[in-house]
Amino acid sequence: MNDRLLSLLGICRRAGRLVIGADPVKEAIETDKAFLVICASDISQNTEKKIRMAVETKGTVEYHIIDRTKDELSFSLGKTCAVLAVIDKGFADKFTELIEAEQKKEETTI
């Protein structure tokens, strides 16, 4: 299966424009480096709440829980992760486009 979202995550990581892990992501949000935060669908409630609160406090960061598991994200990035932040506006815009297209496609198939 060719997953454009996971492929783009790999490219983004190799470009050095991805922050991985709850604490580094929270720091990126607080220092205004993050444009987009992405969480795995099976993220722990505690971690999700911590990240969501940081995003809501800042108010300038997009936030999405995607339909991918921690294992899928970890496999595509080569590092265990459940939450990540995109610190590049261009990559963030492309991720948002892909995520919204995927959500729209899911809505039409229901």
PDB file of N, CA and C in Angstrom:
ATOM      1  N   MET A   1       0.838  -1.192   0.000  1.00  0.00           N
ATOM      2  CA  MET A   1       0.000   0.000   0.000  1.00  0.00           C
ATOM      3  C   MET A   1       0.877   1.247   0.000  1.00  0.00           C
ATOM      4  N   ASN A   2       0.524   2.205  -0.824  1.00  0.00           N
ATOM      5  CA  ASN A   2       1.257   3.450  -0.912  1.00  0.00           C
ATOM      6  C   ASN A   2       0.533   4.504  -0.087  1.00  0.00           C
ATOM      7  N   ASP A   3       1.066   4.841   1.070  1.00  0.00           N
ATOM      8  CA  ASP A   3       0.446   5.798   1.976  1.00  0.00           C
ATOM      9  C   ASP A   3       1.174   7.139   1.860  1.00  0.00           C
ATOM     10  N   ARG A   4       0.547   8.086   1.209  1.00  0.00           N
ATOM     11  CA  ARG A   4       1.177   9.381   0.947  1.00  0.00           C
ATOM     12  C   ARG A   4       1.509  10.122   2.232  1.00  0.00           C
ATOM     13  N   LEU A   5       0.641  10.009   3.233  1.00  0.00           N
ATOM     14  CA  LEU A   5       0.865  10.700   4.501  1.00  0.00           C
ATOM     15  C   LEU A   5       2.116  10.171   5.197  1.00  0.00           C
ATOM     16  N   LEU A   6       2.242   8.845   5.271  1.00  0.00           N
ATOM     17  CA  LEU A   6       3.417   8.259   5.920  1.00  0.00           C
ATOM     18  C   LEU A   6       4.684   8.517   5.112  1.00  0.00           C
ATOM     19  N   SER A   7       4.573   8.517   3.795  1.00  0.00           N
ATOM     20  CA  SER A   7       5.727   8.828   2.948  1.00  0.00           C
ATOM     21  C   SER A   7       6.207  10.255   3.180  1.00  0.00           C
ATOM     22  N   LEU A   8       5.259  11.179   3.266  1.00  0.00           N
ATOM     23  CA  LEU A   8       5.609  12.576   3.511  1.00  0.00           C
ATOM     24  C   LEU A   8       6.225  12.756   4.891  1.00  0.00           C
ATOM     25  N   LEU A   9       5.773  11.974   5.870  1.00  0.00           N
ATOM     26  CA  LEU A   9       6.382  12.032   7.195  1.00  0.00           C
ATOM     27  C   LEU A   9       7.862  11.654   7.129  1.00  0.00           C
ATOM     28  N   GLY A  10       8.167  10.616   6.377  1.00  0.00           N
ATOM     29  CA  GLY A  10       9.558  10.199   6.215  1.00  0.00           C
ATOM     30  C   GLY A  10      10.405  11.276   5.559  1.00  0.00           C
ATOM     31  N   ILE A  11       9.873  11.908   4.539  1.00  0.00           N
ATOM     32  CA  ILE A  11      10.586  12.992   3.851  1.00  0.00           C
ATOM     33  C   ILE A  11      10.801  14.165   4.801  1.00  0.00           C
ATOM     34  N   CYS A  12       9.765  14.490   5.548  1.00  0.00           N
ATOM     35  CA  CYS A  12       9.829  15.604   6.494  1.00  0.00           C
ATOM     36  C   CYS A  12      10.892  15.337   7.569  1.00  0.00           C
ATOM     37  N   ARG A  13      10.960  14.104   8.045  1.00  0.00           N
ATOM     38  CA  ARG A  13      11.961  13.759   9.065  1.00  0.00           C
ATOM     39  C   ARG A  13      13.372  13.866   8.492  1.00  0.00           C
ATOM     40  N   ARG A  14      13.566  13.333   7.293  1.00  0.00           N
ATOM     41  CA  ARG A  14      14.891  13.401   6.675  1.00  0.00           C
ATOM     42  C   ARG A  14      15.312  14.850   6.415  1.00  0.00           C
ATOM     43  N   ALA A  15      14.332  15.726   6.203  1.00  0.00           N
ATOM     44  CA  ALA A  15      14.618  17.144   5.990  1.00  0.00           C
ATOM     45  C   ALA A  15      14.875  17.880   7.308  1.00  0.00           C
ATOM     46  N   GLY A  16      14.675  17.194   8.416  1.00  0.00           N
ATOM     47  CA  GLY A  16      14.912  17.814   9.722  1.00  0.00           C
ATOM     48  C   GLY A  16      13.822  18.769  10.151  1.00  0.00           C
ATOM     49  N   ARG A  17      12.627  18.592   9.605  1.00  0.00           N
ATOM     50  CA  ARG A  17      11.518  19.514   9.893  1.00  0.00           C
ATOM     51  C   ARG A  17      10.437  18.859  10.736  1.00  0.00           C
ATOM     52  N   LEU A  18      10.792  17.804  11.485  1.00  0.00           N
ATOM     53  CA  LEU A  18       9.839  17.060  12.294  1.00  0.00           C
ATOM     54  C   LEU A  18      10.384  16.925  13.714  1.00  0.00           C
ATOM     55  N   VAL A  19       9.531  17.199  14.695  1.00  0.00           N
ATOM     56  CA  VAL A  19       9.881  17.011  16.103  1.00  0.00           C
ATOM     57  C   VAL A  19       9.077  15.815  16.589  1.00  0.00           C
ATOM     58  N   ILE A  20       9.762  14.855  17.235  1.00  0.00           N
ATOM     59  CA  ILE A  20       9.126  13.609  17.631  1.00  0.00           C
ATOM     60  C   ILE A  20       9.158  13.447  19.143  1.00  0.00           C
ATOM     61  N   GLY A  21       8.016  13.072  19.715  1.00  0.00           N
ATOM     62  CA  GLY A  21       7.931  12.814  21.153  1.00  0.00           C
ATOM     63  C   GLY A  21       7.135  13.889  21.875  1.00  0.00           C
ATOM     64  N   ALA A  22       6.453  13.498  22.936  1.00  0.00           N
ATOM     65  CA  ALA A  22       5.540  14.406  23.633  1.00  0.00           C
ATOM     66  C   ALA A  22       6.239  15.647  24.188  1.00  0.00           C
ATOM     67  N   ASP A  23       7.320  15.458  24.920  1.00  0.00           N
ATOM     68  CA  ASP A  23       7.994  16.613  25.530  1.00  0.00           C
ATOM     69  C   ASP A  23       8.633  17.543  24.496  1.00  0.00           C
ATOM     70  N   PRO A  24       9.358  17.016  23.494  1.00  0.00           N
ATOM     71  CA  PRO A  24       9.882  17.914  22.453  1.00  0.00           C
ATOM     72  C   PRO A  24       8.774  18.630  21.663  1.00  0.00           C
ATOM     73  N   VAL A  25       7.659  17.941  21.420  1.00  0.00           N
ATOM     74  CA  VAL A  25       6.540  18.562  20.708  1.00  0.00           C
ATOM     75  C   VAL A  25       5.947  19.691  21.544  1.00  0.00           C
ATOM     76  N   LYS A  26       5.769  19.431  22.830  1.00  0.00           N
ATOM     77  CA  LYS A  26       5.226  20.467  23.725  1.00  0.00           C
ATOM     78  C   LYS A  26       6.140  21.690  23.744  1.00  0.00           C
ATOM     79  N   GLU A  27       7.445  21.461  23.777  1.00  0.00           N
ATOM     80  CA  GLU A  27       8.407  22.560  23.745  1.00  0.00           C
ATOM     81  C   GLU A  27       8.327  23.325  22.422  1.00  0.00           C
ATOM     82  N   ALA A  28       8.179  22.598  21.307  1.00  0.00           N
ATOM     83  CA  ALA A  28       8.064  23.247  19.997  1.00  0.00           C
ATOM     84  C   ALA A  28       6.807  24.108  19.920  1.00  0.00           C
ATOM     85  N   ILE A  29       5.733  23.645  20.546  1.00  0.00           N
ATOM     86  CA  ILE A  29       4.489  24.429  20.577  1.00  0.00           C
ATOM     87  C   ILE A  29       4.709  25.707  21.394  1.00  0.00           C
ATOM     88  N   GLU A  30       5.291  25.551  22.564  1.00  0.00           N
ATOM     89  CA  GLU A  30       5.481  26.685  23.470  1.00  0.00           C
ATOM     90  C   GLU A  30       6.457  27.721  22.932  1.00  0.00           C
ATOM     91  N   THR A  31       7.415  27.307  22.102  1.00  0.00           N
ATOM     92  CA  THR A  31       8.397  28.241  21.542  1.00  0.00           C
ATOM     93  C   THR A  31       8.016  28.717  20.141  1.00  0.00           C
ATOM     94  N   ASP A  32       6.769  28.478  19.737  1.00  0.00           N
ATOM     95  CA  ASP A  32       6.231  28.929  18.451  1.00  0.00           C
ATOM     96  C   ASP A  32       6.962  28.354  17.235  1.00  0.00           C
ATOM     97  N   LYS A  33       7.542  27.165  17.370  1.00  0.00           N
ATOM     98  CA  LYS A  33       8.202  26.529  16.236  1.00  0.00           C
ATOM     99  C   LYS A  33       7.259  25.607  15.486  1.00  0.00           C
ATOM    100  N   ALA A  34       6.255  25.067  16.159  1.00  0.00           N
ATOM    101  CA  ALA A  34       5.342  24.090  15.553  1.00  0.00           C
ATOM    102  C   ALA A  34       4.238  24.783  14.764  1.00  0.00           C
ATOM    103  N   PHE A  35       3.983  24.275  13.560  1.00  0.00           N
ATOM    104  CA  PHE A  35       2.868  24.733  12.747  1.00  0.00           C
ATOM    105  C   PHE A  35       1.712  23.738  12.797  1.00  0.00           C
ATOM    106  N   LEU A  36       2.060  22.462  12.994  1.00  0.00           N
ATOM    107  CA  LEU A  36       1.071  21.397  12.968  1.00  0.00           C
ATOM    108  C   LEU A  36       1.496  20.300  13.931  1.00  0.00           C
ATOM    109  N   VAL A  37       0.535  19.781  14.702  1.00  0.00           N
ATOM    110  CA  VAL A  37       0.784  18.654  15.593  1.00  0.00           C
ATOM    111  C   VAL A  37      -0.081  17.495  15.120  1.00  0.00           C
ATOM    112  N   ILE A  38       0.552  16.328  14.998  1.00  0.00           N
ATOM    113  CA  ILE A  38      -0.131  15.119  14.547  1.00  0.00           C
ATOM    114  C   ILE A  38       0.011  14.056  15.626  1.00  0.00           C
ATOM    115  N   CYS A  39      -1.117  13.430  15.975  1.00  0.00           N
ATOM    116  CA  CYS A  39      -1.110  12.353  16.966  1.00  0.00           C
ATOM    117  C   CYS A  39      -1.636  11.072  16.334  1.00  0.00           C
ATOM    118  N   ALA A  40      -1.106   9.947  16.803  1.00  0.00           N
ATOM    119  CA  ALA A  40      -1.580   8.636  16.361  1.00  0.00           C
ATOM    120  C   ALA A  40      -2.963   8.383  16.944  1.00  0.00           C
ATOM    121  N   SER A  41      -3.718   7.527  16.295  1.00  0.00           N
ATOM    122  CA  SER A  41      -5.083   7.231  16.752  1.00  0.00           C
ATOM    123  C   SER A  41      -5.107   6.498  18.085  1.00  0.00           C
ATOM    124  N   ASP A  42      -4.029   5.798  18.428  1.00  0.00           N
ATOM    125  CA  ASP A  42      -3.996   5.052  19.683  1.00  0.00           C
ATOM    126  C   ASP A  42      -3.082   5.688  20.732  1.00  0.00           C
ATOM    127  N   ILE A  43      -2.957   7.004  20.682  1.00  0.00           N
ATOM    128  CA  ILE A  43      -2.158   7.730  21.659  1.00  0.00           C
ATOM    129  C   ILE A  43      -2.813   7.614  23.039  1.00  0.00           C
ATOM    130  N   SER A  44      -2.016   7.622  24.083  1.00  0.00           N
ATOM    131  CA  SER A  44      -2.581   7.511  25.432  1.00  0.00           C
ATOM    132  C   SER A  44      -3.393   8.768  25.747  1.00  0.00           C
ATOM    133  N   GLN A  45      -4.413   8.602  26.558  1.00  0.00           N
ATOM    134  CA  GLN A  45      -5.283   9.728  26.905  1.00  0.00           C
ATOM    135  C   GLN A  45      -4.507  10.823  27.616  1.00  0.00           C
ATOM    136  N   ASN A  46      -3.596  10.432  28.492  1.00  0.00           N
ATOM    137  CA  ASN A  46      -2.818  11.405  29.246  1.00  0.00           C
ATOM    138  C   ASN A  46      -1.944  12.256  28.319  1.00  0.00           C
ATOM    139  N   THR A  47      -1.256  11.610  27.398  1.00  0.00           N
ATOM    140  CA  THR A  47      -0.397  12.329  26.454  1.00  0.00           C
ATOM    141  C   THR A  47      -1.233  13.207  25.537  1.00  0.00           C
ATOM    142  N   GLU A  48      -2.338  12.680  25.046  1.00  0.00           N
ATOM    143  CA  GLU A  48      -3.214  13.457  24.157  1.00  0.00           C
ATOM    144  C   GLU A  48      -3.728  14.700  24.863  1.00  0.00           C
ATOM    145  N   LYS A  49      -4.117  14.555  26.117  1.00  0.00           N
ATOM    146  CA  LYS A  49      -4.635  15.697  26.886  1.00  0.00           C
ATOM    147  C   LYS A  49      -3.546  16.752  27.084  1.00  0.00           C
ATOM    148  N   LYS A  50      -2.342  16.311  27.407  1.00  0.00           N
ATOM    149  CA  LYS A  50      -1.213  17.221  27.628  1.00  0.00           C
ATOM    150  C   LYS A  50      -0.901  18.028  26.366  1.00  0.00           C
ATOM    151  N   ILE A  51      -0.870  17.342  25.231  1.00  0.00           N
ATOM    152  CA  ILE A  51      -0.555  18.008  23.959  1.00  0.00           C
ATOM    153  C   ILE A  51      -1.705  18.924  23.530  1.00  0.00           C
ATOM    154  N   ARG A  52      -2.937  18.421  23.644  1.00  0.00           N
ATOM    155  CA  ARG A  52      -4.092  19.227  23.249  1.00  0.00           C
ATOM    156  C   ARG A  52      -4.177  20.518  24.065  1.00  0.00           C
ATOM    157  N   MET A  53      -3.888  20.422  25.363  1.00  0.00           N
ATOM    158  CA  MET A  53      -3.926  21.616  26.211  1.00  0.00           C
ATOM    159  C   MET A  53      -2.859  22.625  25.792  1.00  0.00           C
ATOM    160  N   ALA A  54      -1.670  22.149  25.429  1.00  0.00           N
ATOM    161  CA  ALA A  54      -0.604  23.045  24.956  1.00  0.00           C
ATOM    162  C   ALA A  54      -1.013  23.728  23.656  1.00  0.00           C
ATOM    163  N   VAL A  55      -1.639  22.963  22.751  1.00  0.00           N
ATOM    164  CA  VAL A  55      -2.110  23.523  21.480  1.00  0.00           C
ATOM    165  C   VAL A  55      -3.194  24.564  21.722  1.00  0.00           C
ATOM    166  N   GLU A  56      -4.159  24.259  22.590  1.00  0.00           N
ATOM    167  CA  GLU A  56      -5.254  25.187  22.866  1.00  0.00           C
ATOM    168  C   GLU A  56      -4.754  26.443  23.563  1.00  0.00           C
ATOM    169  N   THR A  57      -3.768  26.312  24.430  1.00  0.00           N
ATOM    170  CA  THR A  57      -3.202  27.466  25.126  1.00  0.00           C
ATOM    171  C   THR A  57      -2.534  28.403  24.130  1.00  0.00           C
ATOM    172  N   LYS A  58      -1.792  27.840  23.193  1.00  0.00           N
ATOM    173  CA  LYS A  58      -1.093  28.651  22.196  1.00  0.00           C
ATOM    174  C   LYS A  58      -2.079  29.224  21.184  1.00  0.00           C
ATOM    175  N   GLY A  59      -3.000  28.414  20.721  1.00  0.00           N
ATOM    176  CA  GLY A  59      -4.053  28.876  19.817  1.00  0.00           C
ATOM    177  C   GLY A  59      -3.635  29.113  18.380  1.00  0.00           C
ATOM    178  N   THR A  60      -2.393  28.885  18.033  1.00  0.00           N
ATOM    179  CA  THR A  60      -1.937  29.157  16.667  1.00  0.00           C
ATOM    180  C   THR A  60      -1.473  27.903  15.931  1.00  0.00           C
ATOM    181  N   VAL A  61      -1.594  26.751  16.569  1.00  0.00           N
ATOM    182  CA  VAL A  61      -1.085  25.502  16.013  1.00  0.00           C
ATOM    183  C   VAL A  61      -2.253  24.610  15.605  1.00  0.00           C
ATOM    184  N   GLU A  62      -2.166  24.047  14.398  1.00  0.00           N
ATOM    185  CA  GLU A  62      -3.179  23.077  13.969  1.00  0.00           C
ATOM    186  C   GLU A  62      -2.933  21.759  14.681  1.00  0.00           C
ATOM    187  N   TYR A  63      -4.012  21.012  14.919  1.00  0.00           N
ATOM    188  CA  TYR A  63      -3.914  19.769  15.669  1.00  0.00           C
ATOM    189  C   TYR A  63      -4.800  18.722  15.023  1.00  0.00           C
ATOM    190  N   HIS A  64      -4.222  17.546  14.738  1.00  0.00           N
ATOM    191  CA  HIS A  64      -4.988  16.460  14.130  1.00  0.00           C
ATOM    192  C   HIS A  64      -4.629  15.131  14.767  1.00  0.00           C
ATOM    193  N   ILE A  65      -5.650  14.310  15.012  1.00  0.00           N
ATOM    194  CA  ILE A  65      -5.436  12.911  15.345  1.00  0.00           C
ATOM    195  C   ILE A  65      -5.736  12.154  14.064  1.00  0.00           C
ATOM    196  N   ILE A  66      -4.732  11.465  13.545  1.00  0.00           N
ATOM    197  CA  ILE A  66      -4.894  10.795  12.251  1.00  0.00           C
ATOM    198  C   ILE A  66      -5.242   9.324  12.444  1.00  0.00           C
ATOM    199  N   ASP A  67      -5.753   8.743  11.395  1.00  0.00           N
ATOM    200  CA  ASP A  67      -6.166   7.337  11.428  1.00  0.00           C
ATOM    201  C   ASP A  67      -4.978   6.413  11.146  1.00  0.00           C
ATOM    202  N   ARG A  68      -3.916   6.574  11.946  1.00  0.00           N
ATOM    203  CA  ARG A  68      -2.726   5.727  11.873  1.00  0.00           C
ATOM    204  C   ARG A  68      -2.333   5.378  13.307  1.00  0.00           C
ATOM    205  N   THR A  69      -1.839   4.181  13.506  1.00  0.00           N
ATOM    206  CA  THR A  69      -1.436   3.756  14.846  1.00  0.00           C
ATOM    207  C   THR A  69       0.004   4.197  15.139  1.00  0.00           C
ATOM    208  N   LYS A  70       0.378   4.075  16.410  1.00  0.00           N
ATOM    209  CA  LYS A  70       1.758   4.363  16.803  1.00  0.00           C
ATOM    210  C   LYS A  70       2.726   3.470  16.029  1.00  0.00           C
ATOM    211  N   ASP A  71       2.343   2.210  15.850  1.00  0.00           N
ATOM    212  CA  ASP A  71       3.210   1.280  15.126  1.00  0.00           C
ATOM    213  C   ASP A  71       3.419   1.725  13.679  1.00  0.00           C
ATOM    214  N   GLU A  72       2.367   2.191  13.028  1.00  0.00           N
ATOM    215  CA  GLU A  72       2.490   2.646  11.645  1.00  0.00           C
ATOM    216  C   GLU A  72       3.387   3.882  11.552  1.00  0.00           C
ATOM    217  N   LEU A  73       3.192   4.834  12.471  1.00  0.00           N
ATOM    218  CA  LEU A  73       4.036   6.026  12.478  1.00  0.00           C
ATOM    219  C   LEU A  73       5.485   5.645  12.766  1.00  0.00           C
ATOM    220  N   SER A  74       5.680   4.790  13.758  1.00  0.00           N
ATOM    221  CA  SER A  74       7.028   4.375  14.143  1.00  0.00           C
ATOM    222  C   SER A  74       7.734   3.665  13.002  1.00  0.00           C
ATOM    223  N   PHE A  75       7.034   2.801  12.293  1.00  0.00           N
ATOM    224  CA  PHE A  75       7.624   2.070  11.179  1.00  0.00           C
ATOM    225  C   PHE A  75       8.057   3.027  10.070  1.00  0.00           C
ATOM    226  N   SER A  76       7.222   4.011   9.764  1.00  0.00           N
ATOM    227  CA  SER A  76       7.548   4.923   8.662  1.00  0.00           C
ATOM    228  C   SER A  76       8.683   5.881   9.023  1.00  0.00           C
ATOM    229  N   LEU A  77       8.866   6.156  10.323  1.00  0.00           N
ATOM    230  CA  LEU A  77       9.899   7.101  10.744  1.00  0.00           C
ATOM    231  C   LEU A  77      11.161   6.432  11.268  1.00  0.00           C
ATOM    232  N   GLY A  78      11.067   5.140  11.566  1.00  0.00           N
ATOM    233  CA  GLY A  78      12.221   4.451  12.109  1.00  0.00           C
ATOM    234  C   GLY A  78      12.490   4.787  13.555  1.00  0.00           C
ATOM    235  N   LYS A  79      11.497   5.332  14.233  1.00  0.00           N
ATOM    236  CA  LYS A  79      11.635   5.725  15.637  1.00  0.00           C
ATOM    237  C   LYS A  79      10.265   5.638  16.292  1.00  0.00           C
ATOM    238  N   THR A  80      10.211   5.108  17.501  1.00  0.00           N
ATOM    239  CA  THR A  80       8.947   4.971  18.210  1.00  0.00           C
ATOM    240  C   THR A  80       8.354   6.350  18.493  1.00  0.00           C
ATOM    241  N   CYS A  81       7.090   6.536  18.097  1.00  0.00           N
ATOM    242  CA  CYS A  81       6.450   7.820  18.363  1.00  0.00           C
ATOM    243  C   CYS A  81       4.927   7.704  18.275  1.00  0.00           C
ATOM    244  N   ALA A  82       4.262   8.586  19.002  1.00  0.00           N
ATOM    245  CA  ALA A  82       2.809   8.676  18.946  1.00  0.00           C
ATOM    246  C   ALA A  82       2.365  10.100  18.658  1.00  0.00           C
ATOM    247  N   VAL A  83       3.271  11.055  18.847  1.00  0.00           N
ATOM    248  CA  VAL A  83       2.951  12.458  18.606  1.00  0.00           C
ATOM    249  C   VAL A  83       4.157  13.131  17.958  1.00  0.00           C
ATOM    250  N   LEU A  84       3.867  14.008  16.990  1.00  0.00           N
ATOM    251  CA  LEU A  84       4.944  14.725  16.322  1.00  0.00           C
ATOM    252  C   LEU A  84       4.472  16.105  15.900  1.00  0.00           C
ATOM    253  N   ALA A  85       5.444  16.976  15.707  1.00  0.00           N
ATOM    254  CA  ALA A  85       5.145  18.345  15.289  1.00  0.00           C
ATOM    255  C   ALA A  85       5.911  18.655  14.016  1.00  0.00           C
ATOM    256  N   VAL A  86       5.244  19.325  13.106  1.00  0.00           N
ATOM    257  CA  VAL A  86       5.866  19.769  11.859  1.00  0.00           C
ATOM    258  C   VAL A  86       6.293  21.214  12.074  1.00  0.00           C
ATOM    259  N   ILE A  87       7.582  21.484  11.843  1.00  0.00           N
ATOM    260  CA  ILE A  87       8.118  22.826  12.114  1.00  0.00           C
ATOM    261  C   ILE A  87       8.467  23.573  10.820  1.00  0.00           C
ATOM    262  N   ASP A  88       7.757  23.251   9.764  1.00  0.00           N
ATOM    263  CA  ASP A  88       7.931  23.904   8.478  1.00  0.00           C
ATOM    264  C   ASP A  88       6.553  24.199   7.904  1.00  0.00           C
ATOM    265  N   LYS A  89       6.305  25.426   7.523  1.00  0.00           N
ATOM    266  CA  LYS A  89       4.983  25.847   7.040  1.00  0.00           C
ATOM    267  C   LYS A  89       4.572  25.099   5.768  1.00  0.00           C
ATOM    268  N   GLY A  90       5.484  24.915   4.847  1.00  0.00           N
ATOM    269  CA  GLY A  90       5.163  24.214   3.600  1.00  0.00           C
ATOM    270  C   GLY A  90       4.762  22.769   3.844  1.00  0.00           C
ATOM    271  N   PHE A  91       5.539  22.055   4.652  1.00  0.00           N
ATOM    272  CA  PHE A  91       5.191  20.680   4.998  1.00  0.00           C
ATOM    273  C   PHE A  91       3.862  20.642   5.747  1.00  0.00           C
ATOM    274  N   ALA A  92       3.669  21.577   6.669  1.00  0.00           N
ATOM    275  CA  ALA A  92       2.432  21.608   7.462  1.00  0.00           C
ATOM    276  C   ALA A  92       1.217  21.790   6.561  1.00  0.00           C
ATOM    277  N   ASP A  93       1.318  22.673   5.583  1.00  0.00           N
ATOM    278  CA  ASP A  93       0.217  22.898   4.648  1.00  0.00           C
ATOM    279  C   ASP A  93      -0.099  21.637   3.842  1.00  0.00           C
ATOM    280  N   LYS A  94       0.931  20.932   3.397  1.00  0.00           N
ATOM    281  CA  LYS A  94       0.728  19.708   2.612  1.00  0.00           C
ATOM    282  C   LYS A  94       0.103  18.612   3.474  1.00  0.00           C
ATOM    283  N   PHE A  95       0.567  18.476   4.726  1.00  0.00           N
ATOM    284  CA  PHE A  95      -0.031  17.498   5.635  1.00  0.00           C
ATOM    285  C   PHE A  95      -1.512  17.813   5.864  1.00  0.00           C
ATOM    286  N   THR A  96      -1.816  19.074   6.098  1.00  0.00           N
ATOM    287  CA  THR A  96      -3.199  19.476   6.331  1.00  0.00           C
ATOM    288  C   THR A  96      -4.058  19.136   5.116  1.00  0.00           C
ATOM    289  N   GLU A  97      -3.544  19.394   3.937  1.00  0.00           N
ATOM    290  CA  GLU A  97      -4.259  19.075   2.692  1.00  0.00           C
ATOM    291  C   GLU A  97      -4.538  17.569   2.601  1.00  0.00           C
ATOM    292  N   LEU A  98      -3.519  16.747   2.878  1.00  0.00           N
ATOM    293  CA  LEU A  98      -3.690  15.295   2.815  1.00  0.00           C
ATOM    294  C   LEU A  98      -4.664  14.781   3.877  1.00  0.00           C
ATOM    295  N   ILE A  99      -4.562  15.306   5.084  1.00  0.00           N
ATOM    296  CA  ILE A  99      -5.430  14.871   6.179  1.00  0.00           C
ATOM    297  C   ILE A  99      -6.881  15.245   5.887  1.00  0.00           C
ATOM    298  N   GLU A 100      -7.110  16.472   5.423  1.00  0.00           N
ATOM    299  CA  GLU A 100      -8.472  16.900   5.122  1.00  0.00           C
ATOM    300  C   GLU A 100      -9.067  16.117   3.957  1.00  0.00           C
ATOM    301  N   ALA A 101      -8.262  15.810   2.948  1.00  0.00           N
ATOM    302  CA  ALA A 101      -8.743  15.004   1.814  1.00  0.00           C
ATOM    303  C   ALA A 101      -9.115  13.606   2.287  1.00  0.00           C
ATOM    304  N   GLU A 102      -8.306  13.060   3.182  1.00  0.00           N
ATOM    305  CA  GLU A 102      -8.579  11.725   3.721  1.00  0.00           C
ATOM    306  C   GLU A 102      -9.868  11.726   4.547  1.00  0.00           C
ATOM    307  N   GLN A 103     -10.057  12.755   5.366  1.00  0.00           N
ATOM    308  CA  GLN A 103     -11.273  12.850   6.187  1.00  0.00           C
ATOM    309  C   GLN A 103     -12.506  13.040   5.319  1.00  0.00           C
ATOM    310  N   LYS A 104     -12.388  13.826   4.260  1.00  0.00           N
ATOM    311  CA  LYS A 104     -13.507  14.047   3.342  1.00  0.00           C
ATOM    312  C   LYS A 104     -13.881  12.749   2.640  1.00  0.00           C
ATOM    313  N   LYS A 105     -12.863  11.980   2.258  1.00  0.00           N
ATOM    314  CA  LYS A 105     -13.095  10.692   1.596  1.00  0.00           C
ATOM    315  C   LYS A 105     -13.810   9.725   2.535  1.00  0.00           C
ATOM    316  N   GLU A 106     -13.429   9.715   3.811  1.00  0.00           N
ATOM    317  CA  GLU A 106     -14.079   8.849   4.806  1.00  0.00           C
ATOM    318  C   GLU A 106     -15.541   9.238   5.002  1.00  0.00           C
ATOM    319  N   GLU A 107     -15.823  10.546   4.997  1.00  0.00           N
ATOM    320  CA  GLU A 107     -17.193  11.020   5.189  1.00  0.00           C
ATOM    321  C   GLU A 107     -18.094  10.593   4.022  1.00  0.00           C
ATOM    322  N   THR A 108     -17.555  10.555   2.834  1.00  0.00           N
ATOM    323  CA  THR A 108     -18.380  10.196   1.675  1.00  0.00           C
ATOM    324  C   THR A 108     -18.621   8.697   1.586  1.00  0.00           C
ATOM    325  N   THR A 109     -17.772   7.897   2.227  1.00  0.00           N
ATOM    326  CA  THR A 109     -17.967   6.446   2.179  1.00  0.00           C
ATOM    327  C   THR A 109     -18.855   5.931   3.294  1.00  0.00           C
ATOM    328  N   ILE A 110     -19.202   6.788   4.221  1.00  0.00           N
ATOM    329  CA  ILE A 110     -20.062   6.362   5.339  1.00  0.00           C
ATOM    330  C   ILE A 110     -21.513   6.386   4.949  1.00  0.00           C
TER     331      ILE A 110
END
